Amino acid sequence: MYADVDYINSRSENENRELLQPKNDAYETCKDSHAVAVLTEWDVFVDYDWQRIYDNMMKPAFIFDGRNILDHKKLRKIGFTVYAIGK
């Protein structure tokens, strides 16, 4: 993550480390957020418990699926507002 944002060169490396805090638990990371952006095709995102994630997010809850790997119909049924980027 740091390598990607450092490459953009919009902030100093020190600012990036101060402002961005990586987390290891996806469920904790999504807690109290309004949006999730999936920007990779990694299969791990398909297998998440999206109901659990939705239940712990602020509402309205959005998903931006940049690789169109998620089950959008299922996510909408849960309550998410889904944006399929590139469709």
PDB file of N, CA and C in Angstrom:
ATOM      1  N   MET A   1       0.826  -1.176   0.000  1.00  0.00           N
ATOM      2  CA  MET A   1       0.000   0.000   0.000  1.00  0.00           C
ATOM      3  C   MET A   1       0.876   1.247   0.000  1.00  0.00           C
ATOM      4  N   TYR A   2       1.848   1.266   0.898  1.00  0.00           N
ATOM      5  CA  TYR A   2       2.694   2.456   0.963  1.00  0.00           C
ATOM      6  C   TYR A   2       3.444   2.685  -0.350  1.00  0.00           C
ATOM      7  N   ALA A   3       3.923   1.621  -0.963  1.00  0.00           N
ATOM      8  CA  ALA A   3       4.650   1.776  -2.222  1.00  0.00           C
ATOM      9  C   ALA A   3       3.761   2.411  -3.282  1.00  0.00           C
ATOM     10  N   ASP A   4       2.497   1.998  -3.316  1.00  0.00           N
ATOM     11  CA  ASP A   4       1.567   2.552  -4.309  1.00  0.00           C
ATOM     12  C   ASP A   4       1.320   4.037  -4.081  1.00  0.00           C
ATOM     13  N   VAL A   5       1.043   4.438  -2.844  1.00  0.00           N
ATOM     14  CA  VAL A   5       0.750   5.850  -2.596  1.00  0.00           C
ATOM     15  C   VAL A   5       2.014   6.703  -2.617  1.00  0.00           C
ATOM     16  N   ASP A   6       3.143   6.135  -2.234  1.00  0.00           N
ATOM     17  CA  ASP A   6       4.396   6.891  -2.324  1.00  0.00           C
ATOM     18  C   ASP A   6       4.729   7.183  -3.788  1.00  0.00           C
ATOM     19  N   TYR A   7       4.415   6.243  -4.665  1.00  0.00           N
ATOM     20  CA  TYR A   7       4.693   6.399  -6.092  1.00  0.00           C
ATOM     21  C   TYR A   7       3.945   7.593  -6.686  1.00  0.00           C
ATOM     22  N   ILE A   8       2.741   7.836  -6.211  1.00  0.00           N
ATOM     23  CA  ILE A   8       1.937   8.956  -6.712  1.00  0.00           C
ATOM     24  C   ILE A   8       2.612  10.286  -6.397  1.00  0.00           C
ATOM     25  N   ASN A   9       3.333  10.329  -5.272  1.00  0.00           N
ATOM     26  CA  ASN A   9       4.121  11.494  -4.885  1.00  0.00           C
ATOM     27  C   ASN A   9       3.255  12.729  -4.599  1.00  0.00           C
ATOM     28  N   SER A  10       2.050  12.499  -4.065  1.00  0.00           N
ATOM     29  CA  SER A  10       1.186  13.636  -3.717  1.00  0.00           C
ATOM     30  C   SER A  10       1.392  14.078  -2.270  1.00  0.00           C
ATOM     31  N   ARG A  11       2.004  13.211  -1.477  1.00  0.00           N
ATOM     32  CA  ARG A  11       2.376  13.536  -0.091  1.00  0.00           C
ATOM     33  C   ARG A  11       3.741  12.929   0.179  1.00  0.00           C
ATOM     34  N   SER A  12       4.344  13.359   1.253  1.00  0.00           N
ATOM     35  CA  SER A  12       5.633  12.772   1.618  1.00  0.00           C
ATOM     36  C   SER A  12       5.415  11.359   2.159  1.00  0.00           C
ATOM     37  N   GLU A  13       6.461  10.574   2.166  1.00  0.00           N
ATOM     38  CA  GLU A  13       6.379   9.219   2.716  1.00  0.00           C
ATOM     39  C   GLU A  13       5.965   9.259   4.184  1.00  0.00           C
ATOM     40  N   ASN A  14       6.483  10.235   4.924  1.00  0.00           N
ATOM     41  CA  ASN A  14       6.119  10.352   6.337  1.00  0.00           C
ATOM     42  C   ASN A  14       4.632  10.645   6.511  1.00  0.00           C
ATOM     43  N   GLU A  15       4.087  11.535   5.667  1.00  0.00           N
ATOM     44  CA  GLU A  15       2.651  11.838   5.741  1.00  0.00           C
ATOM     45  C   GLU A  15       1.812  10.601   5.416  1.00  0.00           C
ATOM     46  N   ASN A  16       2.221   9.836   4.417  1.00  0.00           N
ATOM     47  CA  ASN A  16       1.486   8.618   4.076  1.00  0.00           C
ATOM     48  C   ASN A  16       1.453   7.646   5.246  1.00  0.00           C
ATOM     49  N   ARG A  17       2.542   7.508   5.931  1.00  0.00           N
ATOM     50  CA  ARG A  17       2.582   6.579   7.065  1.00  0.00           C
ATOM     51  C   ARG A  17       1.779   7.094   8.257  1.00  0.00           C
ATOM     52  N   GLU A  18       1.698   8.397   8.370  1.00  0.00           N
ATOM     53  CA  GLU A  18       0.915   8.997   9.453  1.00  0.00           C
ATOM     54  C   GLU A  18      -0.590   8.914   9.159  1.00  0.00           C
ATOM     55  N   LEU A  19      -0.967   9.101   7.920  1.00  0.00           N
ATOM     56  CA  LEU A  19      -2.387   9.193   7.555  1.00  0.00           C
ATOM     57  C   LEU A  19      -3.015   7.855   7.180  1.00  0.00           C
ATOM     58  N   LEU A  20      -2.220   6.898   6.740  1.00  0.00           N
ATOM     59  CA  LEU A  20      -2.744   5.605   6.306  1.00  0.00           C
ATOM     60  C   LEU A  20      -2.305   4.516   7.275  1.00  0.00           C
ATOM     61  N   GLN A  21      -3.261   3.751   7.734  1.00  0.00           N
ATOM     62  CA  GLN A  21      -2.957   2.704   8.698  1.00  0.00           C
ATOM     63  C   GLN A  21      -3.494   1.367   8.204  1.00  0.00           C
ATOM     64  N   PRO A  22      -2.617   0.505   7.694  1.00  0.00           N
ATOM     65  CA  PRO A  22      -3.074  -0.794   7.202  1.00  0.00           C
ATOM     66  C   PRO A  22      -3.620  -1.655   8.341  1.00  0.00           C
ATOM     67  N   LYS A  23      -4.602  -2.472   7.999  1.00  0.00           N
ATOM     68  CA  LYS A  23      -5.209  -3.383   8.974  1.00  0.00           C
ATOM     69  C   LYS A  23      -5.172  -4.788   8.391  1.00  0.00           C
ATOM     70  N   ASN A  24      -5.135  -5.778   9.253  1.00  0.00           N
ATOM     71  CA  ASN A  24      -5.104  -7.169   8.816  1.00  0.00           C
ATOM     72  C   ASN A  24      -6.475  -7.820   8.798  1.00  0.00           C
ATOM     73  N   ASP A  25      -7.453  -7.219   9.433  1.00  0.00           N
ATOM     74  CA  ASP A  25      -8.783  -7.808   9.547  1.00  0.00           C
ATOM     75  C   ASP A  25      -9.767  -7.006   8.698  1.00  0.00           C
ATOM     76  N   ALA A  26     -10.233  -7.610   7.614  1.00  0.00           N
ATOM     77  CA  ALA A  26     -11.135  -6.908   6.692  1.00  0.00           C
ATOM     78  C   ALA A  26     -12.427  -6.492   7.384  1.00  0.00           C
ATOM     79  N   TYR A  27     -12.923  -7.299   8.294  1.00  0.00           N
ATOM     80  CA  TYR A  27     -14.178  -6.985   8.971  1.00  0.00           C
ATOM     81  C   TYR A  27     -14.025  -5.766   9.882  1.00  0.00           C
ATOM     82  N   GLU A  28     -12.904  -5.676  10.556  1.00  0.00           N
ATOM     83  CA  GLU A  28     -12.628  -4.510  11.397  1.00  0.00           C
ATOM     84  C   GLU A  28     -12.378  -3.268  10.541  1.00  0.00           C
ATOM     85  N   THR A  29     -11.738  -3.456   9.422  1.00  0.00           N
ATOM     86  CA  THR A  29     -11.441  -2.344   8.525  1.00  0.00           C
ATOM     87  C   THR A  29     -12.715  -1.705   7.981  1.00  0.00           C
ATOM     88  N   CYS A  30     -13.699  -2.519   7.656  1.00  0.00           N
ATOM     89  CA  CYS A  30     -14.953  -2.013   7.067  1.00  0.00           C
ATOM     90  C   CYS A  30     -15.910  -1.442   8.106  1.00  0.00           C
ATOM     91  N   LYS A  31     -15.686  -1.764   9.367  1.00  0.00           N
ATOM     92  CA  LYS A  31     -16.587  -1.324  10.432  1.00  0.00           C
ATOM     93  C   LYS A  31     -16.712   0.200  10.449  1.00  0.00           C
ATOM     94  N   ASP A  32     -17.966   0.657  10.546  1.00  0.00           N
ATOM     95  CA  ASP A  32     -18.299   2.089  10.633  1.00  0.00           C
ATOM     96  C   ASP A  32     -17.925   2.891   9.389  1.00  0.00           C
ATOM     97  N   SER A  33     -17.713   2.208   8.266  1.00  0.00           N
ATOM     98  CA  SER A  33     -17.451   2.927   7.017  1.00  0.00           C
ATOM     99  C   SER A  33     -18.742   3.004   6.210  1.00  0.00           C
ATOM    100  N   HIS A  34     -18.745   3.844   5.199  1.00  0.00           N
ATOM    101  CA  HIS A  34     -19.883   3.946   4.287  1.00  0.00           C
ATOM    102  C   HIS A  34     -19.633   3.206   2.982  1.00  0.00           C
ATOM    103  N   ALA A  35     -18.374   2.880   2.683  1.00  0.00           N
ATOM    104  CA  ALA A  35     -18.087   2.308   1.373  1.00  0.00           C
ATOM    105  C   ALA A  35     -16.924   1.329   1.426  1.00  0.00           C
ATOM    106  N   VAL A  36     -17.007   0.365   0.513  1.00  0.00           N
ATOM    107  CA  VAL A  36     -15.924  -0.588   0.274  1.00  0.00           C
ATOM    108  C   VAL A  36     -15.609  -0.519  -1.214  1.00  0.00           C
ATOM    109  N   ALA A  37     -14.339  -0.408  -1.541  1.00  0.00           N
ATOM    110  CA  ALA A  37     -13.908  -0.425  -2.938  1.00  0.00           C
ATOM    111  C   ALA A  37     -13.051  -1.664  -3.159  1.00  0.00           C
ATOM    112  N   VAL A  38     -13.503  -2.542  -4.038  1.00  0.00           N
ATOM    113  CA  VAL A  38     -12.739  -3.737  -4.402  1.00  0.00           C
ATOM    114  C   VAL A  38     -12.038  -3.416  -5.717  1.00  0.00           C
ATOM    115  N   LEU A  39     -10.727  -3.348  -5.663  1.00  0.00           N
ATOM    116  CA  LEU A  39      -9.952  -2.894  -6.814  1.00  0.00           C
ATOM    117  C   LEU A  39      -8.997  -3.964  -7.326  1.00  0.00           C
ATOM    118  N   THR A  40      -9.233  -5.199  -6.945  1.00  0.00           N
ATOM    119  CA  THR A  40      -8.409  -6.320  -7.386  1.00  0.00           C
ATOM    120  C   THR A  40      -9.310  -7.507  -7.652  1.00  0.00           C
ATOM    121  N   GLU A  41      -8.809  -8.465  -8.417  1.00  0.00           N
ATOM    122  CA  GLU A  41      -9.610  -9.646  -8.716  1.00  0.00           C
ATOM    123  C   GLU A  41      -9.318 -10.816  -7.786  1.00  0.00           C
ATOM    124  N   TRP A  42      -8.674 -10.563  -6.673  1.00  0.00           N
ATOM    125  CA  TRP A  42      -8.338 -11.630  -5.739  1.00  0.00           C
ATOM    126  C   TRP A  42      -9.593 -12.329  -5.248  1.00  0.00           C
ATOM    127  N   ASP A  43      -9.575 -13.653  -5.263  1.00  0.00           N
ATOM    128  CA  ASP A  43     -10.728 -14.463  -4.864  1.00  0.00           C
ATOM    129  C   ASP A  43     -11.144 -14.257  -3.417  1.00  0.00           C
ATOM    130  N   VAL A  44     -10.239 -13.829  -2.576  1.00  0.00           N
ATOM    131  CA  VAL A  44     -10.553 -13.666  -1.160  1.00  0.00           C
ATOM    132  C   VAL A  44     -11.752 -12.732  -0.960  1.00  0.00           C
ATOM    133  N   PHE A  45     -11.910 -11.749  -1.818  1.00  0.00           N
ATOM    134  CA  PHE A  45     -13.017 -10.804  -1.673  1.00  0.00           C
ATOM    135  C   PHE A  45     -14.363 -11.468  -1.948  1.00  0.00           C
ATOM    136  N   VAL A  46     -14.385 -12.455  -2.808  1.00  0.00           N
ATOM    137  CA  VAL A  46     -15.623 -13.161  -3.135  1.00  0.00           C
ATOM    138  C   VAL A  46     -16.136 -13.930  -1.925  1.00  0.00           C
ATOM    139  N   ASP A  47     -15.220 -14.435  -1.123  1.00  0.00           N
ATOM    140  CA  ASP A  47     -15.578 -15.318  -0.009  1.00  0.00           C
ATOM    141  C   ASP A  47     -15.883 -14.608   1.305  1.00  0.00           C
ATOM    142  N   TYR A  48     -15.791 -13.294   1.346  1.00  0.00           N
ATOM    143  CA  TYR A  48     -16.092 -12.573   2.590  1.00  0.00           C
ATOM    144  C   TYR A  48     -17.555 -12.747   2.977  1.00  0.00           C
ATOM    145  N   ASP A  49     -17.819 -12.627   4.251  1.00  0.00           N
ATOM    146  CA  ASP A  49     -19.190 -12.641   4.770  1.00  0.00           C
ATOM    147  C   ASP A  49     -19.738 -11.228   4.612  1.00  0.00           C
ATOM    148  N   TRP A  50     -20.331 -10.962   3.463  1.00  0.00           N
ATOM    149  CA  TRP A  50     -20.783  -9.612   3.138  1.00  0.00           C
ATOM    150  C   TRP A  50     -21.949  -9.172   4.014  1.00  0.00           C
ATOM    151  N   GLN A  51     -22.744 -10.101   4.516  1.00  0.00           N
ATOM    152  CA  GLN A  51     -23.812  -9.740   5.445  1.00  0.00           C
ATOM    153  C   GLN A  51     -23.201  -9.182   6.730  1.00  0.00           C
ATOM    154  N   ARG A  52     -22.179  -9.846   7.223  1.00  0.00           N
ATOM    155  CA  ARG A  52     -21.483  -9.380   8.433  1.00  0.00           C
ATOM    156  C   ARG A  52     -20.875  -7.997   8.208  1.00  0.00           C
ATOM    157  N   ILE A  53     -20.266  -7.804   7.058  1.00  0.00           N
ATOM    158  CA  ILE A  53     -19.677  -6.509   6.749  1.00  0.00           C
ATOM    159  C   ILE A  53     -20.760  -5.443   6.705  1.00  0.00           C
ATOM    160  N   TYR A  54     -21.861  -5.716   6.001  1.00  0.00           N
ATOM    161  CA  TYR A  54     -22.967  -4.757   5.897  1.00  0.00           C
ATOM    162  C   TYR A  54     -23.525  -4.399   7.273  1.00  0.00           C
ATOM    163  N   ASP A  55     -23.707  -5.399   8.113  1.00  0.00           N
ATOM    164  CA  ASP A  55     -24.287  -5.173   9.441  1.00  0.00           C
ATOM    165  C   ASP A  55     -23.462  -4.218  10.290  1.00  0.00           C
ATOM    166  N   ASN A  56     -22.155  -4.154  10.027  1.00  0.00           N
ATOM    167  CA  ASN A  56     -21.267  -3.315  10.832  1.00  0.00           C
ATOM    168  C   ASN A  56     -20.874  -2.004  10.157  1.00  0.00           C
ATOM    169  N   MET A  57     -21.440  -1.755   8.979  1.00  0.00           N
ATOM    170  CA  MET A  57     -21.140  -0.508   8.276  1.00  0.00           C
ATOM    171  C   MET A  57     -22.177   0.550   8.611  1.00  0.00           C
ATOM    172  N   MET A  58     -21.816   1.808   8.356  1.00  0.00           N
ATOM    173  CA  MET A  58     -22.785   2.894   8.448  1.00  0.00           C
ATOM    174  C   MET A  58     -23.674   2.817   7.211  1.00  0.00           C
ATOM    175  N   LYS A  59     -24.863   3.350   7.325  1.00  0.00           N
ATOM    176  CA  LYS A  59     -25.799   3.302   6.211  1.00  0.00           C
ATOM    177  C   LYS A  59     -26.041   4.711   5.694  1.00  0.00           C
ATOM    178  N   PRO A  60     -26.180   4.898   4.395  1.00  0.00           N
ATOM    179  CA  PRO A  60     -26.178   3.862   3.370  1.00  0.00           C
ATOM    180  C   PRO A  60     -24.792   3.258   3.201  1.00  0.00           C
ATOM    181  N   ALA A  61     -24.775   1.997   2.770  1.00  0.00           N
ATOM    182  CA  ALA A  61     -23.530   1.254   2.583  1.00  0.00           C
ATOM    183  C   ALA A  61     -23.332   0.992   1.089  1.00  0.00           C
ATOM    184  N   PHE A  62     -22.165   1.331   0.593  1.00  0.00           N
ATOM    185  CA  PHE A  62     -21.859   1.229  -0.828  1.00  0.00           C
ATOM    186  C   PHE A  62     -20.734   0.230  -1.070  1.00  0.00           C
ATOM    187  N   ILE A  63     -20.805  -0.431  -2.211  1.00  0.00           N
ATOM    188  CA  ILE A  63     -19.697  -1.247  -2.709  1.00  0.00           C
ATOM    189  C   ILE A  63     -19.380  -0.779  -4.116  1.00  0.00           C
ATOM    190  N   PHE A  64     -18.105  -0.515  -4.353  1.00  0.00           N
ATOM    191  CA  PHE A  64     -17.602  -0.187  -5.676  1.00  0.00           C
ATOM    192  C   PHE A  64     -16.751  -1.375  -6.122  1.00  0.00           C
ATOM    193  N   ASP A  65     -17.254  -2.125  -7.084  1.00  0.00           N
ATOM    194  CA  ASP A  65     -16.573  -3.329  -7.552  1.00  0.00           C
ATOM    195  C   ASP A  65     -15.832  -3.008  -8.840  1.00  0.00           C
ATOM    196  N   GLY A  66     -14.557  -2.748  -8.708  1.00  0.00           N
ATOM    197  CA  GLY A  66     -13.745  -2.337  -9.846  1.00  0.00           C
ATOM    198  C   GLY A  66     -13.322  -3.466 -10.752  1.00  0.00           C
ATOM    199  N   ARG A  67     -13.543  -4.700 -10.345  1.00  0.00           N
ATOM    200  CA  ARG A  67     -13.165  -5.847 -11.173  1.00  0.00           C
ATOM    201  C   ARG A  67     -14.357  -6.726 -11.526  1.00  0.00           C
ATOM    202  N   ASN A  68     -15.545  -6.334 -11.045  1.00  0.00           N
ATOM    203  CA  ASN A  68     -16.777  -7.075 -11.317  1.00  0.00           C
ATOM    204  C   ASN A  68     -16.660  -8.549 -10.958  1.00  0.00           C
ATOM    205  N   ILE A  69     -16.149  -8.800  -9.747  1.00  0.00           N
ATOM    206  CA  ILE A  69     -15.973 -10.180  -9.281  1.00  0.00           C
ATOM    207  C   ILE A  69     -17.025 -10.592  -8.258  1.00  0.00           C
ATOM    208  N   LEU A  70     -17.788  -9.620  -7.760  1.00  0.00           N
ATOM    209  CA  LEU A  70     -18.737  -9.901  -6.686  1.00  0.00           C
ATOM    210  C   LEU A  70     -20.122 -10.217  -7.239  1.00  0.00           C
ATOM    211  N   ASP A  71     -20.935 -10.862  -6.425  1.00  0.00           N
ATOM    212  CA  ASP A  71     -22.314 -11.191  -6.789  1.00  0.00           C
ATOM    213  C   ASP A  71     -23.177  -9.969  -6.473  1.00  0.00           C
ATOM    214  N   HIS A  72     -23.372  -9.117  -7.448  1.00  0.00           N
ATOM    215  CA  HIS A  72     -24.064  -7.846  -7.246  1.00  0.00           C
ATOM    216  C   HIS A  72     -25.515  -8.040  -6.827  1.00  0.00           C
ATOM    217  N   LYS A  73     -26.168  -9.037  -7.379  1.00  0.00           N
ATOM    218  CA  LYS A  73     -27.561  -9.305  -7.012  1.00  0.00           C
ATOM    219  C   LYS A  73     -27.664  -9.653  -5.523  1.00  0.00           C
ATOM    220  N   LYS A  74     -26.771 -10.508  -5.055  1.00  0.00           N
ATOM    221  CA  LYS A  74     -26.751 -10.899  -3.638  1.00  0.00           C
ATOM    222  C   LYS A  74     -26.450  -9.700  -2.748  1.00  0.00           C
ATOM    223  N   LEU A  75     -25.493  -8.872  -3.161  1.00  0.00           N
ATOM    224  CA  LEU A  75     -25.124  -7.704  -2.362  1.00  0.00           C
ATOM    225  C   LEU A  75     -26.276  -6.709  -2.269  1.00  0.00           C
ATOM    226  N   ARG A  76     -26.982  -6.514  -3.368  1.00  0.00           N
ATOM    227  CA  ARG A  76     -28.145  -5.614  -3.343  1.00  0.00           C
ATOM    228  C   ARG A  76     -29.245  -6.167  -2.442  1.00  0.00           C
ATOM    229  N   LYS A  77     -29.413  -7.482  -2.455  1.00  0.00           N
ATOM    230  CA  LYS A  77     -30.416  -8.120  -1.585  1.00  0.00           C
ATOM    231  C   LYS A  77     -30.073  -7.897  -0.106  1.00  0.00           C
ATOM    232  N   ILE A  78     -28.785  -7.913   0.209  1.00  0.00           N
ATOM    233  CA  ILE A  78     -28.338  -7.641   1.583  1.00  0.00           C
ATOM    234  C   ILE A  78     -28.678  -6.215   1.970  1.00  0.00           C
ATOM    235  N   GLY A  79     -28.587  -5.279   1.014  1.00  0.00           N
ATOM    236  CA  GLY A  79     -28.877  -3.875   1.299  1.00  0.00           C
ATOM    237  C   GLY A  79     -27.868  -2.896   0.754  1.00  0.00           C
ATOM    238  N   PHE A  80     -26.785  -3.403   0.181  1.00  0.00           N
ATOM    239  CA  PHE A  80     -25.753  -2.539  -0.373  1.00  0.00           C
ATOM    240  C   PHE A  80     -26.262  -1.785  -1.603  1.00  0.00           C
ATOM    241  N   THR A  81     -25.735  -0.593  -1.800  1.00  0.00           N
ATOM    242  CA  THR A  81     -25.822   0.082  -3.080  1.00  0.00           C
ATOM    243  C   THR A  81     -24.549  -0.281  -3.809  1.00  0.00           C
ATOM    244  N   VAL A  82     -24.685  -0.941  -4.955  1.00  0.00           N
ATOM    245  CA  VAL A  82     -23.523  -1.508  -5.665  1.00  0.00           C
ATOM    246  C   VAL A  82     -23.267  -0.719  -6.944  1.00  0.00           C
ATOM    247  N   TYR A  83     -22.010  -0.375  -7.141  1.00  0.00           N
ATOM    248  CA  TYR A  83     -21.567   0.243  -8.376  1.00  0.00           C
ATOM    249  C   TYR A  83     -20.539  -0.678  -9.022  1.00  0.00           C
ATOM    250  N   ALA A  84     -20.882  -1.177 -10.205  1.00  0.00           N
ATOM    251  CA  ALA A  84     -19.970  -2.024 -10.961  1.00  0.00           C
ATOM    252  C   ALA A  84     -19.176  -1.120 -11.887  1.00  0.00           C
ATOM    253  N   ILE A  85     -17.948  -0.871 -11.552  1.00  0.00           N
ATOM    254  CA  ILE A  85     -17.120   0.053 -12.314  1.00  0.00           C
ATOM    255  C   ILE A  85     -16.658  -0.662 -13.582  1.00  0.00           C
ATOM    256  N   GLY A  86     -16.877  -0.027 -14.707  1.00  0.00           N
ATOM    257  CA  GLY A  86     -16.446  -0.586 -15.966  1.00  0.00           C
ATOM    258  C   GLY A  86     -17.506  -1.392 -16.693  1.00  0.00           C
ATOM    259  N   LYS A  87     -18.707  -1.474 -16.133  1.00  0.00           N
ATOM    260  CA  LYS A  87     -19.790  -2.204 -16.802  1.00  0.00           C
ATOM    261  C   LYS A  87     -20.638  -1.240 -17.582  1.00  0.00           C
TER     262      LYS A  87
END
